[in-house]
Each structure stands twice: as structure tokens, then as C-alpha cells.
Amino acid sequence: MTNPLRIGLIGCGNISTSYLSRAVKFGDIKFTAVADMNPAAAALRAEEYGVKALSVEDLLASDEVDLVLNLTIPAAHYEIAKAALNAGKHVYSEKPYVLSLEEGRELAAIAHAKGVRIGSAPDTVLGGSHQLARHLVDSGAIGRITSGTCAVMSHGMEAWHPNPDFFFLPGGGPILDLGPYYIANLVQLIGPVKRVAALTATPETTRTIGNGPRDGEEIPVKTPTTIHALLEFEQGAVVTLVASWDVWQNDLAPMALYGTEGTLHVPDPNFFGGEVRLTKRDQLADLPAWDHPLGIDNREVDWGMAADYRTAGLADMAQAIAQGRPHRCNDSYALHVVEVMGAILASGESGTFIEITTPCTRPEALGPDAARALLA
């Protein structure tokens, strides 16, 4: 295996530029090739970033690719990952990396047999703000976490994405698209989930694209777009998670955890940074010094500047392979999150509580020094 690890990217859509452009910030990884079912899309990305454009088949067979970065649509994640693993490549996938427990277990068995690894987004949990929250939880700053509230609500993706169809089909929806950020962060902060219950709704059966060459085209909605879920964690905490693409405006905070000694306000886990606030009982408390490199604003967004270190999970996986240690965004952690999301949707259909079966260990914290060691 080479160092840096040579990366081949499959799926040259919008998200591919985030990975390709931010990879230069990290050591231990180097992009060598890209592929897409649309050869023109692959050729464009290859020219932009100075890598080879290959067919999917040629990329999987390439001796210059050690790890396949799977950025295809969720419905294709499993098949691409399976083909890459069978080709002897490590795989890191955008979330959710599979859509069922069966798919996850099959991929794990193939990876074990081939001696390769599986990793999965989201990696925003490695961001400076979320690792500060982890440090505060682990140091007992709010005592024992007893409950929490999370909310991620908007009016959907059709206004900005030129091809939003997959967001509204099975495999999409807010709980599978945005839920991974919230549930993964809850698990890294609190631990594994014990059981879930949910109510779900689909208020609109069609959406109208508001952007790009298909502007004005109606597309079907075949998955719930409003979900109110309850999560009970193994350590006893209960958390409410609301995810919706049917809300024009709300003032709810992204995430708050309530403990026996205070409250921890956590920023949107869809991003690496943001304001963390801490109270001791009902009084605002000072935060410790926290010089974490993955919390520094580096990207201009609609509302100002934000920290964006997407690729950190991939870089940690590459470094972990080189060092022979577990990688943080690993498949057992990701599969637990997948099971929780699937159970939420299944509970919405059945109206029953659903027990979670997959074991899960919280990924190791990424403190400031460990984060600096990932950077180039």
C-alpha cells in the first residue's frame, strides 16, 4: 500500500468538488482518477483537478487506486461499494453508505475477506465545534446527559438542486439525507441508541424543480418528508429529533443536550464549526481554550463564512490504515446510524417502538493535536 493513499472517485456530481478541492489540505491522501456514468462529467472534473478520467470499470481495475471514494447517489452506494471491495479496494462512501442492515453486513463480510476497510460520511463530527462538545461531555461539564432536542427543518432541496429527484425517492428524504449528521453526532456524544419511535408524514406528493434546465418540472415524492422521532440511548437519555422538508421557517436550535449539571448547545452538525454554548445549571458558563484546526472558518457561504473540512474522515481513514489503528468514521459506527434511520422510518409505518440491534462503540475523540496530524 502506498503513502499517500491513492484515491479514485466515482460519482462526479456537486459534492465531488468539495472532496477534490479540500483534499490538498490533508496529508496521507492523493486523488489519482475520477469516473462517472456520464463520461463528460468525469472528463470535466479530471481537467479541473489534474487527474485521470476513467470508466467505472477501468477505475476499479486500476493499479493506481488503493481506495474508492463512492459519491454516487444513495441507491447506488451498495453496488459500487461491493464492486470496489471485490476488486480489493478500500471504500469510503458518502452517507448513507448502505440502505439496509443486510447490505451493510454483506459489505463487512466482503471487506473482512479481502482485508480492506469501509468508511462512511458524515465526517462533520470531527469538526472543531463538535469535538469541543465531545470534550465537554467527556469531561462531565453538564453531568450525565438525560435528554436532548434536535431539529433540522427547511422546505426541501428542489429550489437549488438541478436534479433533486433522488431526494424524494426511497433512499432519500430528510431522515436519510440530513439525519446522518444529527444521529452520528448524537452517537459520538452520547453513545449507542437502544430503541426508537416515530411519526412520519408526506404532506406534498409532488415537488417542482426551481433551478437549472429542468426548472418548472414536477417530480414525485415517494418517501416521508416530515419525521418526528424519539430516540432512547443505552445510557438512558431520551432525545427528540424533528426532520422536515415541509417547513418554510422555524426558530428551533439544531441540537441541545440537557444534563444533570447544565445544558450544552451544539451547532448544526451539517457543518464542522459554529457556536458552542455551555451552561452550569441555568447560568451561562465559560468554555475552555480550544485551538482546534477543523473549526476555523475557511469557506464563504450564503450567510458569511463557515468551517468546511469535508474529506477529514477520508484522511483519518488513510492515516489509520497506514498506522494500523481503527479509523473514526468506520462502518460499524455508520451501520448503527443506518439502522437507527431505518428504524425511524419503519416505526413511522408501523406505529411501534423498534429496538436497535447493531453494536456500536463511540469513535475515538479527535482532539486538536490529533486533528493537526491529519493536515498536510
Protein backbone atom coordinates (compact mmCIF):
# COMPACT_ATOMS: atom_id res chain seq x y z
CA MET A 1 0.00 0.00 0.00
CA THR A 2 1.33 3.43 -0.90
CA ASN A 3 1.58 6.54 1.22
CA PRO A 4 -0.17 8.80 0.45
CA LEU A 5 -3.12 6.52 -0.22
CA ARG A 6 -4.23 6.83 -3.86
CA ILE A 7 -7.91 7.73 -4.20
CA GLY A 8 -10.23 7.00 -7.14
CA LEU A 9 -13.51 8.91 -7.08
CA ILE A 10 -16.73 7.53 -8.57
CA GLY A 11 -19.61 10.00 -8.96
CA CYS A 12 -18.69 13.45 -10.31
CA GLY A 13 -21.75 15.39 -9.13
CA ASN A 14 -21.93 18.52 -6.97
CA ILE A 15 -20.33 17.00 -3.89
CA SER A 16 -17.25 15.79 -5.78
CA THR A 17 -15.77 19.30 -5.91
CA SER A 18 -15.89 19.50 -2.10
CA TYR A 19 -13.70 16.43 -1.76
CA LEU A 20 -11.37 17.21 -4.65
CA SER A 21 -10.77 20.81 -3.65
CA ARG A 22 -10.24 20.15 0.07
CA ALA A 23 -8.04 17.09 -0.32
CA VAL A 24 -4.93 19.27 -0.68
CA LYS A 25 -5.38 20.36 2.96
CA PHE A 26 -4.77 16.82 4.21
CA GLY A 27 -1.79 14.50 4.20
CA ASP A 28 -1.91 10.76 3.52
CA ILE A 29 -4.31 11.03 0.52
CA LYS A 30 -3.87 11.79 -3.18
CA PHE A 31 -6.57 11.70 -5.86
CA THR A 32 -5.42 9.86 -8.98
CA ALA A 33 -8.60 9.24 -11.03
CA VAL A 34 -12.31 10.03 -11.34
CA ALA A 35 -15.19 8.20 -13.04
CA ASP A 36 -18.88 8.77 -13.67
CA MET A 37 -21.67 7.08 -15.61
CA ASN A 38 -21.58 10.29 -17.65
CA PRO A 39 -18.09 10.35 -19.24
CA ALA A 40 -18.35 14.09 -19.90
CA ALA A 41 -18.81 14.78 -16.18
CA ALA A 42 -15.72 12.72 -15.38
CA ALA A 43 -13.71 14.47 -18.09
CA LEU A 44 -14.69 17.87 -16.71
CA ARG A 45 -13.62 17.01 -13.15
CA ALA A 46 -10.41 15.39 -14.41
CA GLU A 47 -9.45 18.53 -16.27
CA GLU A 48 -10.33 20.76 -13.29
CA TYR A 49 -8.23 18.80 -10.79
CA GLY A 50 -5.46 17.27 -12.91
CA VAL A 51 -6.38 13.60 -12.52
CA LYS A 52 -7.27 10.81 -14.95
CA ALA A 53 -10.82 10.33 -16.27
CA LEU A 54 -11.64 6.63 -16.45
CA SER A 55 -14.67 4.45 -16.90
CA VAL A 56 -16.04 2.95 -13.68
CA GLU A 57 -14.77 -0.46 -14.73
CA ASP A 58 -11.27 0.82 -15.52
CA LEU A 59 -11.08 2.76 -12.23
CA LEU A 60 -12.00 -0.35 -10.25
CA ALA A 61 -9.30 -2.31 -12.10
CA SER A 62 -6.64 0.39 -11.85
CA ASP A 63 -3.34 -0.39 -10.08
CA GLU A 64 -3.13 3.34 -9.28
CA VAL A 65 -6.18 3.30 -6.99
CA ASP A 66 -5.98 1.99 -3.41
CA LEU A 67 -9.30 3.38 -2.13
CA VAL A 68 -12.56 4.12 -3.95
CA LEU A 69 -14.43 7.24 -2.84
CA ASN A 70 -18.08 6.46 -3.56
CA LEU A 71 -20.02 9.66 -4.29
CA THR A 72 -22.83 8.12 -6.32
CA ILE A 73 -26.49 8.55 -5.35
CA PRO A 74 -27.58 6.64 -2.21
CA ALA A 75 -29.40 3.95 -4.20
CA ALA A 76 -26.12 3.09 -5.96
CA HIS A 77 -23.80 3.17 -2.92
CA TYR A 78 -24.12 -0.54 -2.14
CA GLU A 79 -23.46 -1.86 -5.64
CA ILE A 80 -20.47 0.43 -6.23
CA ALA A 81 -19.02 -0.37 -2.80
CA LYS A 82 -19.48 -4.11 -3.35
CA ALA A 83 -17.72 -3.96 -6.72
CA ALA A 84 -14.85 -1.92 -5.25
CA LEU A 85 -14.39 -4.26 -2.28
CA ASN A 86 -14.40 -7.28 -4.56
CA ALA A 87 -11.70 -5.52 -6.59
CA GLY A 88 -9.58 -5.37 -3.42
CA LYS A 89 -10.03 -1.63 -2.83
CA HIS A 90 -10.78 0.14 0.42
CA VAL A 91 -14.07 2.09 0.21
CA TYR A 92 -15.14 5.40 1.70
CA SER A 93 -18.72 6.40 0.86
CA GLU A 94 -20.95 9.39 1.16
CA LYS A 95 -23.84 8.79 3.54
CA PRO A 96 -25.78 6.64 3.89
CA TYR A 97 -23.26 4.06 2.70
CA VAL A 98 -25.99 1.36 2.58
CA LEU A 99 -29.77 1.41 2.84
CA SER A 100 -30.27 -1.75 4.93
CA LEU A 101 -28.61 -3.86 7.60
CA GLU A 102 -28.34 -6.75 5.15
CA GLU A 103 -26.34 -4.66 2.70
CA GLY A 104 -24.05 -3.40 5.47
CA ARG A 105 -23.39 -6.87 6.84
CA GLU A 106 -22.65 -8.26 3.37
CA LEU A 107 -20.16 -5.47 2.65
CA ALA A 108 -18.49 -6.01 6.04
CA ALA A 109 -18.06 -9.72 5.26
CA ILE A 110 -16.50 -8.95 1.86
CA ALA A 111 -14.17 -6.34 3.38
CA HIS A 112 -13.07 -8.80 6.06
CA ALA A 113 -12.39 -11.50 3.47
CA LYS A 114 -10.43 -9.12 1.25
CA GLY A 115 -8.51 -7.48 4.10
CA VAL A 116 -9.71 -3.98 3.26
CA ARG A 117 -11.73 -1.34 5.09
CA ILE A 118 -15.02 0.55 4.77
CA GLY A 119 -15.53 4.14 5.86
CA SER A 120 -18.51 6.45 5.59
CA ALA A 121 -19.51 10.09 5.87
CA PRO A 122 -20.55 12.15 7.72
CA ASP A 123 -17.21 13.41 8.97
CA THR A 124 -18.53 16.71 10.30
CA VAL A 125 -18.49 15.05 13.73
CA LEU A 126 -14.71 15.56 13.53
CA GLY A 127 -15.15 19.34 13.29
CA GLY A 128 -13.73 21.67 15.90
CA SER A 129 -17.10 22.59 17.42
CA HIS A 130 -18.39 19.03 17.68
CA GLN A 131 -15.11 17.84 19.15
CA LEU A 132 -15.34 20.66 21.70
CA ALA A 133 -18.82 19.39 22.55
CA ARG A 134 -17.34 15.88 22.85
CA HIS A 135 -14.61 17.20 25.17
CA LEU A 136 -17.22 18.91 27.36
CA VAL A 137 -19.39 15.79 27.54
CA ASP A 138 -16.42 13.53 28.32
CA SER A 139 -15.11 15.91 30.99
CA GLY A 140 -18.50 15.93 32.74
CA ALA A 141 -19.23 19.61 32.10
CA ILE A 142 -23.02 19.01 32.05
CA GLY A 143 -23.06 15.92 34.23
CA ARG A 144 -24.99 12.91 32.97
CA ILE A 145 -26.96 13.62 29.78
CA THR A 146 -30.63 12.91 30.44
CA SER A 147 -32.36 14.29 27.34
CA GLY A 148 -31.99 16.41 24.23
CA THR A 149 -33.72 18.11 21.33
CA CYS A 150 -32.67 18.27 17.67
CA ALA A 151 -34.32 19.99 14.72
CA VAL A 152 -33.42 20.19 11.04
CA MET A 153 -36.19 21.77 9.00
CA SER A 154 -36.47 23.61 5.68
CA HIS A 155 -38.59 23.48 2.56
CA GLY A 156 -36.54 20.91 0.71
CA MET A 157 -33.91 20.64 -1.96
CA GLU A 158 -35.87 21.27 -5.17
CA ALA A 159 -35.23 25.02 -5.18
CA TRP A 160 -31.45 24.75 -5.58
CA HIS A 161 -30.56 21.26 -6.88
CA PRO A 162 -30.87 20.85 -10.69
CA ASN A 163 -31.70 17.12 -10.40
CA PRO A 164 -33.35 16.66 -6.97
CA ASP A 165 -35.35 13.52 -7.87
CA PHE A 166 -33.39 11.18 -5.60
CA PHE A 167 -34.00 13.36 -2.55
CA PHE A 168 -37.71 12.49 -2.75
CA LEU A 169 -37.46 8.78 -3.55
CA PRO A 170 -36.86 5.80 -1.23
CA GLY A 171 -33.29 6.20 -0.03
CA GLY A 172 -33.75 9.96 0.22
CA GLY A 173 -35.92 12.19 2.41
CA PRO A 174 -34.70 14.34 5.30
CA ILE A 175 -34.08 11.49 7.72
CA LEU A 176 -31.71 9.67 5.34
CA ASP A 177 -30.18 12.80 3.80
CA LEU A 178 -29.72 15.01 6.88
CA GLY A 179 -30.41 12.56 9.69
CA PRO A 180 -26.93 11.01 9.41
CA TYR A 181 -25.32 14.28 10.55
CA TYR A 182 -27.56 14.53 13.61
CA ILE A 183 -27.69 10.87 14.60
CA ALA A 184 -23.95 10.34 14.05
CA ASN A 185 -23.22 13.34 16.25
CA LEU A 186 -25.64 12.16 18.94
CA VAL A 187 -23.98 8.73 18.95
CA GLN A 188 -20.45 10.18 19.19
CA LEU A 189 -21.62 12.39 22.08
CA ILE A 190 -23.99 10.08 23.99
CA GLY A 191 -23.30 6.55 22.74
CA PRO A 192 -25.40 3.85 21.06
CA VAL A 193 -29.17 4.10 20.58
CA LYS A 194 -31.36 1.49 22.30
CA ARG A 195 -34.74 1.98 20.62
CA VAL A 196 -36.72 4.48 18.54
CA ALA A 197 -40.28 5.51 17.71
CA ALA A 198 -41.56 7.99 15.15
CA LEU A 199 -44.49 9.60 13.39
CA THR A 200 -43.96 10.39 9.69
CA ALA A 201 -45.89 12.31 7.03
CA THR A 202 -45.75 13.20 3.33
CA PRO A 203 -47.75 16.44 3.03
CA GLU A 204 -46.92 17.01 -0.67
CA THR A 205 -46.92 14.18 -3.24
CA THR A 206 -45.07 16.22 -5.90
CA ARG A 207 -42.36 18.88 -5.90
CA THR A 208 -41.48 21.45 -8.57
CA ILE A 209 -37.84 21.90 -9.58
CA GLY A 210 -36.85 25.54 -9.26
CA ASN A 211 -33.38 25.55 -10.75
CA GLY A 212 -31.42 24.58 -13.87
CA PRO A 213 -32.51 23.15 -17.23
CA ARG A 214 -35.48 21.28 -15.67
CA ASP A 215 -36.86 24.41 -13.96
CA GLY A 216 -40.64 24.02 -13.51
CA GLU A 217 -40.71 20.21 -13.92
CA GLU A 218 -42.78 18.30 -11.36
CA ILE A 219 -41.22 15.26 -9.69
CA PRO A 220 -42.90 12.63 -7.48
CA VAL A 221 -42.44 12.38 -3.70
CA LYS A 222 -42.36 8.75 -2.55
CA THR A 223 -40.75 8.99 0.89
CA PRO A 224 -41.78 10.78 4.11
CA THR A 225 -40.68 14.41 4.23
CA THR A 226 -41.72 15.19 7.83
CA ILE A 227 -40.48 12.96 10.66
CA HIS A 228 -40.87 13.41 14.42
CA ALA A 229 -38.73 10.77 16.16
CA LEU A 230 -37.93 9.73 19.72
CA LEU A 231 -34.56 8.11 20.45
CA GLU A 232 -33.73 6.30 23.68
CA PHE A 233 -30.00 5.81 24.25
CA GLU A 234 -28.41 2.86 26.04
CA GLN A 235 -27.14 5.16 28.81
CA GLY A 236 -30.75 6.27 29.44
CA ALA A 237 -31.03 9.65 27.70
CA VAL A 238 -34.10 10.39 25.58
CA VAL A 239 -33.80 12.73 22.57
CA THR A 240 -36.40 14.24 20.25
CA LEU A 241 -35.35 14.59 16.60
CA VAL A 242 -37.50 16.54 14.14
CA ALA A 243 -36.55 16.43 10.45
CA SER A 244 -38.71 18.05 7.78
CA TRP A 245 -38.67 19.42 4.24
CA ASP A 246 -42.16 20.92 4.68
CA VAL A 247 -41.27 23.95 6.84
CA TRP A 248 -40.64 27.42 5.39
CA GLN A 249 -39.31 28.96 8.62
CA ASN A 250 -38.54 27.98 12.21
CA ASP A 251 -36.54 29.29 15.15
CA LEU A 252 -35.60 25.96 16.74
CA ALA A 253 -31.94 25.33 17.65
CA PRO A 254 -30.14 22.49 15.80
CA MET A 255 -29.12 20.49 18.87
CA ALA A 256 -29.25 20.87 22.65
CA LEU A 257 -28.27 18.29 25.24
CA TYR A 258 -29.60 18.55 28.77
CA GLY A 259 -27.58 17.12 31.67
CA THR A 260 -27.84 16.81 35.41
CA GLU A 261 -25.47 19.79 35.83
CA GLY A 262 -26.19 22.01 32.84
CA THR A 263 -27.02 22.37 29.15
CA LEU A 264 -24.84 22.05 26.06
CA HIS A 265 -25.93 23.87 22.90
CA VAL A 266 -24.34 22.25 19.83
CA PRO A 267 -24.26 23.92 16.38
CA ASP A 268 -25.63 22.41 13.18
CA PRO A 269 -23.82 19.06 12.73
CA ASN A 270 -24.07 19.51 8.96
CA PHE A 271 -21.04 21.81 9.42
CA PHE A 272 -17.69 21.48 11.13
CA GLY A 273 -17.85 24.72 13.11
CA GLY A 274 -20.34 27.02 14.78
CA GLU A 275 -21.04 28.36 18.22
CA VAL A 276 -20.97 26.01 21.21
CA ARG A 277 -22.64 27.30 24.37
CA LEU A 278 -22.49 25.81 27.85
CA THR A 279 -24.48 26.47 31.00
CA LYS A 280 -23.79 25.41 34.56
CA ARG A 281 -27.31 24.75 35.73
CA ASP A 282 -29.15 27.85 34.41
CA GLN A 283 -26.12 30.18 34.15
CA LEU A 284 -24.02 30.66 31.01
CA ALA A 285 -20.51 29.26 31.64
CA ASP A 286 -17.11 29.95 30.08
CA LEU A 287 -15.73 27.50 27.53
CA PRO A 288 -12.21 26.06 27.82
CA ALA A 289 -9.46 27.17 25.45
CA TRP A 290 -9.90 25.09 22.29
CA ASP A 291 -7.41 25.58 19.45
CA HIS A 292 -8.84 23.01 17.03
CA PRO A 293 -7.79 23.37 13.37
CA LEU A 294 -11.00 21.86 11.95
CA GLY A 295 -13.14 24.65 13.41
CA ILE A 296 -11.53 27.59 11.62
CA ASP A 297 -13.77 29.28 9.04
CA ASN A 298 -12.41 28.67 5.53
CA ARG A 299 -15.38 28.81 3.16
CA GLU A 300 -17.71 31.59 2.08
CA VAL A 301 -21.39 30.61 2.31
CA ASP A 302 -24.68 32.46 1.87
CA TRP A 303 -24.69 33.73 5.46
CA GLY A 304 -20.97 34.52 5.80
CA MET A 305 -18.03 32.22 6.49
CA ALA A 306 -18.07 28.59 7.69
CA ALA A 307 -15.61 25.84 8.55
CA ASP A 308 -15.61 23.15 5.84
CA TYR A 309 -13.15 20.28 6.17
CA ARG A 310 -15.07 17.62 4.25
CA THR A 311 -12.53 14.88 3.47
CA ALA A 312 -11.31 14.81 7.11
CA GLY A 313 -12.93 11.39 7.61
CA LEU A 314 -11.28 10.07 4.45
CA ALA A 315 -7.91 11.46 5.56
CA ASP A 316 -8.31 9.90 9.02
CA MET A 317 -9.11 6.56 7.38
CA ALA A 318 -5.99 6.77 5.19
CA GLN A 319 -3.82 7.65 8.19
CA ALA A 320 -5.41 4.86 10.24
CA ILE A 321 -4.63 2.31 7.52
CA ALA A 322 -1.01 3.48 7.48
CA GLN A 323 -0.77 3.40 11.29
CA GLY A 324 -2.73 0.16 11.75
CA ARG A 325 -5.30 1.75 14.07
CA PRO A 326 -9.14 1.91 13.80
CA HIS A 327 -10.49 4.76 11.69
CA ARG A 328 -13.08 7.00 13.27
CA CYS A 329 -15.77 7.10 10.53
CA ASN A 330 -15.90 3.31 10.35
CA ASP A 331 -18.62 1.02 9.04
CA SER A 332 -19.83 -0.38 12.39
CA TYR A 333 -20.49 3.20 13.59
CA ALA A 334 -22.11 4.05 10.25
CA LEU A 335 -24.21 0.87 10.19
CA HIS A 336 -25.58 1.67 13.66
CA VAL A 337 -26.66 5.07 12.32
CA VAL A 338 -28.19 3.41 9.24
CA GLU A 339 -30.16 1.03 11.46
CA VAL A 340 -31.44 3.92 13.59
CA MET A 341 -32.58 5.83 10.50
CA GLY A 342 -34.27 2.78 9.02
CA ALA A 343 -35.95 2.02 12.32
CA ILE A 344 -37.28 5.58 12.49
CA LEU A 345 -38.90 5.21 9.06
CA ALA A 346 -40.18 1.71 9.90
CA SER A 347 -41.67 2.98 13.16
CA GLY A 348 -43.43 5.70 11.20
CA GLU A 349 -45.12 2.98 9.16
CA SER A 350 -45.88 0.55 11.99
CA GLY A 351 -46.57 2.94 14.86
CA THR A 352 -44.44 0.82 17.22
CA PHE A 353 -41.18 1.20 19.13
CA ILE A 354 -38.29 -0.57 17.39
CA GLU A 355 -35.25 -1.97 19.22
CA ILE A 356 -31.81 -1.33 17.72
CA THR A 357 -29.67 -4.45 17.29
CA THR A 358 -26.28 -3.34 15.94
CA PRO A 359 -23.41 -2.94 18.43
CA CYS A 360 -21.56 0.35 18.28
CA THR A 361 -18.61 1.94 20.06
CA ARG A 362 -18.23 5.70 20.10
CA PRO A 363 -15.40 6.69 17.71
CA GLU A 364 -12.26 7.95 19.40
CA ALA A 365 -12.32 11.70 20.03
CA LEU A 366 -10.26 13.86 17.65
CA GLY A 367 -8.55 16.45 19.81
CA PRO A 368 -6.65 19.46 18.47
CA ASP A 369 -3.27 17.71 18.25
CA ALA A 370 -4.70 14.64 16.50
CA ALA A 371 -6.57 16.91 14.06
CA ARG A 372 -3.38 18.82 13.24
CA ALA A 373 -1.69 15.50 12.48
CA LEU A 374 -4.23 14.89 9.68
CA LEU A 375 -3.33 18.09 7.85
CA ALA A 376 -0.76 18.38 5.09
